[in-house]
C-alpha atoms as a PDB file:
ATOM      1  CA  UNK A   1     -14.516  18.389 -35.869  1.00  0.00           C
ATOM      2  CA  UNK A   2     -13.282  16.007 -33.217  1.00  0.00           C
ATOM      3  CA  UNK A   3     -13.831  12.277 -33.775  1.00  0.00           C
ATOM      4  CA  UNK A   4     -17.006  10.790 -32.217  1.00  0.00           C
ATOM      5  CA  UNK A   5     -15.518   7.314 -31.697  1.00  0.00           C
ATOM      6  CA  UNK A   6     -12.123   5.888 -30.804  1.00  0.00           C
ATOM      7  CA  UNK A   7     -10.266   2.626 -30.355  1.00  0.00           C
ATOM      8  CA  UNK A   8      -6.892   2.044 -28.797  1.00  0.00           C
ATOM      9  CA  UNK A   9      -4.900   0.368 -26.043  1.00  0.00           C
ATOM     10  CA  UNK A  10      -5.294   1.629 -22.479  1.00  0.00           C
ATOM     11  CA  UNK A  11      -1.657   1.013 -21.530  1.00  0.00           C
ATOM     12  CA  UNK A  12      -0.394   2.844 -24.606  1.00  0.00           C
ATOM     13  CA  UNK A  13      -2.899   5.652 -24.497  1.00  0.00           C
ATOM     14  CA  UNK A  14      -2.381   6.323 -20.780  1.00  0.00           C
ATOM     15  CA  UNK A  15       1.414   6.582 -20.886  1.00  0.00           C
ATOM     16  CA  UNK A  16       1.492  10.377 -20.902  1.00  0.00           C
ATOM     17  CA  UNK A  17      -1.327  10.843 -18.303  1.00  0.00           C
ATOM     18  CA  UNK A  18      -0.346   8.496 -15.429  1.00  0.00           C
ATOM     19  CA  UNK A  19      -2.739   5.913 -16.840  1.00  0.00           C
ATOM     20  CA  UNK A  20      -5.729   8.190 -17.396  1.00  0.00           C
ATOM     21  CA  UNK A  21      -7.407   7.559 -20.802  1.00  0.00           C
ATOM     22  CA  UNK A  22     -10.621   9.627 -20.475  1.00  0.00           C
ATOM     23  CA  UNK A  23     -11.350  12.934 -18.784  1.00  0.00           C
ATOM     24  CA  UNK A  24     -11.406  16.726 -18.887  1.00  0.00           C
ATOM     25  CA  UNK A  25      -7.576  16.834 -19.098  1.00  0.00           C
ATOM     26  CA  UNK A  26      -7.439  15.119 -22.500  1.00  0.00           C
ATOM     27  CA  UNK A  27      -6.723  17.309 -25.505  1.00  0.00           C
ATOM     28  CA  UNK A  28     -10.034  18.166 -27.190  1.00  0.00           C
ATOM     29  CA  UNK A  29      -8.573  16.853 -30.485  1.00  0.00           C
ATOM     30  CA  UNK A  30      -8.862  13.336 -28.956  1.00  0.00           C
ATOM     31  CA  UNK A  31     -12.600  13.649 -29.495  1.00  0.00           C
ATOM     32  CA  UNK A  32     -14.738  11.468 -27.181  1.00  0.00           C
ATOM     33  CA  UNK A  33     -11.761  10.854 -24.856  1.00  0.00           C
ATOM     34  CA  UNK A  34     -12.011  14.487 -23.757  1.00  0.00           C
ATOM     35  CA  UNK A  35     -15.026  14.675 -21.441  1.00  0.00           C
ATOM     36  CA  UNK A  36     -16.210  16.487 -18.301  1.00  0.00           C
ATOM     37  CA  UNK A  37     -18.563  13.635 -17.418  1.00  0.00           C
ATOM     38  CA  UNK A  38     -16.145  10.838 -16.370  1.00  0.00           C
ATOM     39  CA  UNK A  39     -12.455   9.922 -15.908  1.00  0.00           C
ATOM     40  CA  UNK A  40     -11.086   6.417 -16.579  1.00  0.00           C
ATOM     41  CA  UNK A  41      -7.621   5.145 -15.602  1.00  0.00           C
ATOM     42  CA  UNK A  42      -5.817   1.894 -16.519  1.00  0.00           C
ATOM     43  CA  UNK A  43      -3.376   1.452 -13.628  1.00  0.00           C
ATOM     44  CA  UNK A  44      -0.484  -0.932 -13.863  1.00  0.00           C
ATOM     45  CA  UNK A  45       1.309  -1.019 -10.523  1.00  0.00           C
ATOM     46  CA  UNK A  46       4.408  -3.063  -9.607  1.00  0.00           C
ATOM     47  CA  UNK A  47       4.482  -4.646  -6.136  1.00  0.00           C
ATOM     48  CA  UNK A  48       5.286  -2.007  -3.548  1.00  0.00           C
ATOM     49  CA  UNK A  49       4.083   0.905  -5.633  1.00  0.00           C
ATOM     50  CA  UNK A  50       2.116   3.258  -3.409  1.00  0.00           C
ATOM     51  CA  UNK A  51       0.527   6.675  -3.287  1.00  0.00           C
ATOM     52  CA  UNK A  52       2.611   8.284  -0.534  1.00  0.00           C
ATOM     53  CA  UNK A  53       0.151  11.169   0.129  1.00  0.00           C
ATOM     54  CA  UNK A  54      -3.560  11.056   0.760  1.00  0.00           C
ATOM     55  CA  UNK A  55      -6.031  12.792  -1.463  1.00  0.00           C
ATOM     56  CA  UNK A  56      -7.559  15.919   0.071  1.00  0.00           C
ATOM     57  CA  UNK A  57     -11.281  16.636   0.046  1.00  0.00           C
ATOM     58  CA  UNK A  58     -12.001  15.145  -3.377  1.00  0.00           C
ATOM     59  CA  UNK A  59     -15.598  15.948  -4.343  1.00  0.00           C
ATOM     60  CA  UNK A  60     -16.132  13.197  -6.891  1.00  0.00           C
ATOM     61  CA  UNK A  61     -17.460   9.641  -6.731  1.00  0.00           C
ATOM     62  CA  UNK A  62     -14.881   6.906  -7.491  1.00  0.00           C
ATOM     63  CA  UNK A  63     -14.914   3.217  -8.430  1.00  0.00           C
ATOM     64  CA  UNK A  64     -11.729   1.119  -8.163  1.00  0.00           C
ATOM     65  CA  UNK A  65     -11.946  -2.329  -9.864  1.00  0.00           C
ATOM     66  CA  UNK A  66      -9.240  -5.004  -9.545  1.00  0.00           C
ATOM     67  CA  UNK A  67      -8.204  -6.693 -12.759  1.00  0.00           C
ATOM     68  CA  UNK A  68      -5.334  -8.744 -11.308  1.00  0.00           C
ATOM     69  CA  UNK A  69      -3.006  -8.880  -8.321  1.00  0.00           C
ATOM     70  CA  UNK A  70      -3.525  -7.714  -4.697  1.00  0.00           C
ATOM     71  CA  UNK A  71      -4.195  -4.042  -4.076  1.00  0.00           C
ATOM     72  CA  UNK A  72      -4.734  -2.267  -0.743  1.00  0.00           C
ATOM     73  CA  UNK A  73      -6.941   0.799  -0.587  1.00  0.00           C
ATOM     74  CA  UNK A  74      -6.917   3.007   2.497  1.00  0.00           C
ATOM     75  CA  UNK A  75      -9.956   5.258   2.973  1.00  0.00           C
ATOM     76  CA  UNK A  76     -10.739   7.662   5.746  1.00  0.00           C
ATOM     77  CA  UNK A  77     -13.477   5.153   6.582  1.00  0.00           C
ATOM     78  CA  UNK A  78     -11.107   2.120   6.806  1.00  0.00           C
ATOM     79  CA  UNK A  79      -8.934  -0.156   4.682  1.00  0.00           C
ATOM     80  CA  UNK A  80      -9.702  -2.940   2.227  1.00  0.00           C
ATOM     81  CA  UNK A  81      -7.538  -5.433   0.317  1.00  0.00           C
ATOM     82  CA  UNK A  82      -8.754  -6.339  -3.115  1.00  0.00           C
ATOM     83  CA  UNK A  83      -7.561  -9.893  -3.889  1.00  0.00           C
ATOM     84  CA  UNK A  84     -10.024 -11.601  -6.246  1.00  0.00           C
ATOM     85  CA  UNK A  85     -10.331 -10.555  -9.853  1.00  0.00           C
ATOM     86  CA  UNK A  86     -13.394  -8.334 -10.044  1.00  0.00           C
ATOM     87  CA  UNK A  87     -13.226  -7.088  -6.400  1.00  0.00           C
ATOM     88  CA  UNK A  88     -14.121  -3.424  -6.261  1.00  0.00           C
ATOM     89  CA  UNK A  89     -14.627  -0.474  -3.950  1.00  0.00           C
ATOM     90  CA  UNK A  90     -16.642   2.671  -4.580  1.00  0.00           C
ATOM     91  CA  UNK A  91     -16.707   5.796  -2.459  1.00  0.00           C
ATOM     92  CA  UNK A  92     -18.305   9.192  -2.565  1.00  0.00           C
ATOM     93  CA  UNK A  93     -17.346  12.851  -2.213  1.00  0.00           C
ATOM     94  CA  UNK A  94     -15.297  13.914   0.814  1.00  0.00           C
ATOM     95  CA  UNK A  95     -13.675  10.513   1.470  1.00  0.00           C
ATOM     96  CA  UNK A  96      -9.877  10.743   1.177  1.00  0.00           C
ATOM     97  CA  UNK A  97      -7.783   7.789   0.027  1.00  0.00           C
ATOM     98  CA  UNK A  98      -4.319   6.363  -0.514  1.00  0.00           C
ATOM     99  CA  UNK A  99      -3.314   2.947  -1.922  1.00  0.00           C
ATOM    100  CA  UNK A 100      -0.551   0.388  -2.239  1.00  0.00           C
ATOM    101  CA  UNK A 101       0.056  -2.520  -4.673  1.00  0.00           C
ATOM    102  CA  UNK A 102       0.737  -5.546  -2.466  1.00  0.00           C
ATOM    103  CA  UNK A 103       1.758  -7.579  -5.570  1.00  0.00           C
ATOM    104  CA  UNK A 104       2.039  -6.592  -9.203  1.00  0.00           C
ATOM    105  CA  UNK A 105      -1.478  -5.354  -9.862  1.00  0.00           C
ATOM    106  CA  UNK A 106      -3.761  -3.914 -12.560  1.00  0.00           C
ATOM    107  CA  UNK A 107      -6.740  -1.795 -11.596  1.00  0.00           C
ATOM    108  CA  UNK A 108      -9.284   0.277 -13.411  1.00  0.00           C
ATOM    109  CA  UNK A 109     -10.370   3.558 -11.793  1.00  0.00           C
ATOM    110  CA  UNK A 110     -13.470   5.386 -12.814  1.00  0.00           C
ATOM    111  CA  UNK A 111     -14.407   8.687 -11.241  1.00  0.00           C
ATOM    112  CA  UNK A 112     -17.077  11.243 -11.988  1.00  0.00           C
ATOM    113  CA  UNK A 113     -17.620  13.971 -12.816  1.00  0.00           C
ATOM    114  CA  UNK A 114     -14.329  14.884 -14.475  1.00  0.00           C
ATOM    115  CA  UNK A 115     -13.270  18.127 -12.790  1.00  0.00           C
ATOM    116  CA  UNK A 116      -9.946  20.002 -12.431  1.00  0.00           C
END
């Protein structure tokens, strides 16, 4: 039986999954970290790090929350720079995005549902 609780470190646990620590893609042996309900990512981005391509027709809802640094998010609806700790953006299905770390930055991304 898979464990029903877990504790760890987001930076350590996300190393093998591009920062993702919860979601459908986690091995079921990780217990509660393997879920189809939500995906959570701890993103550590050095200044200048960027997503070169845009997402394409993602059908999930997403929340991006700034922990530290300056982080630019480009959406099909416009662009926003997150600068103050706690700044966030949320967007729904069908809105494509790309991003760039303007300084060293840490962000938390939550999206739901967790789907391949």
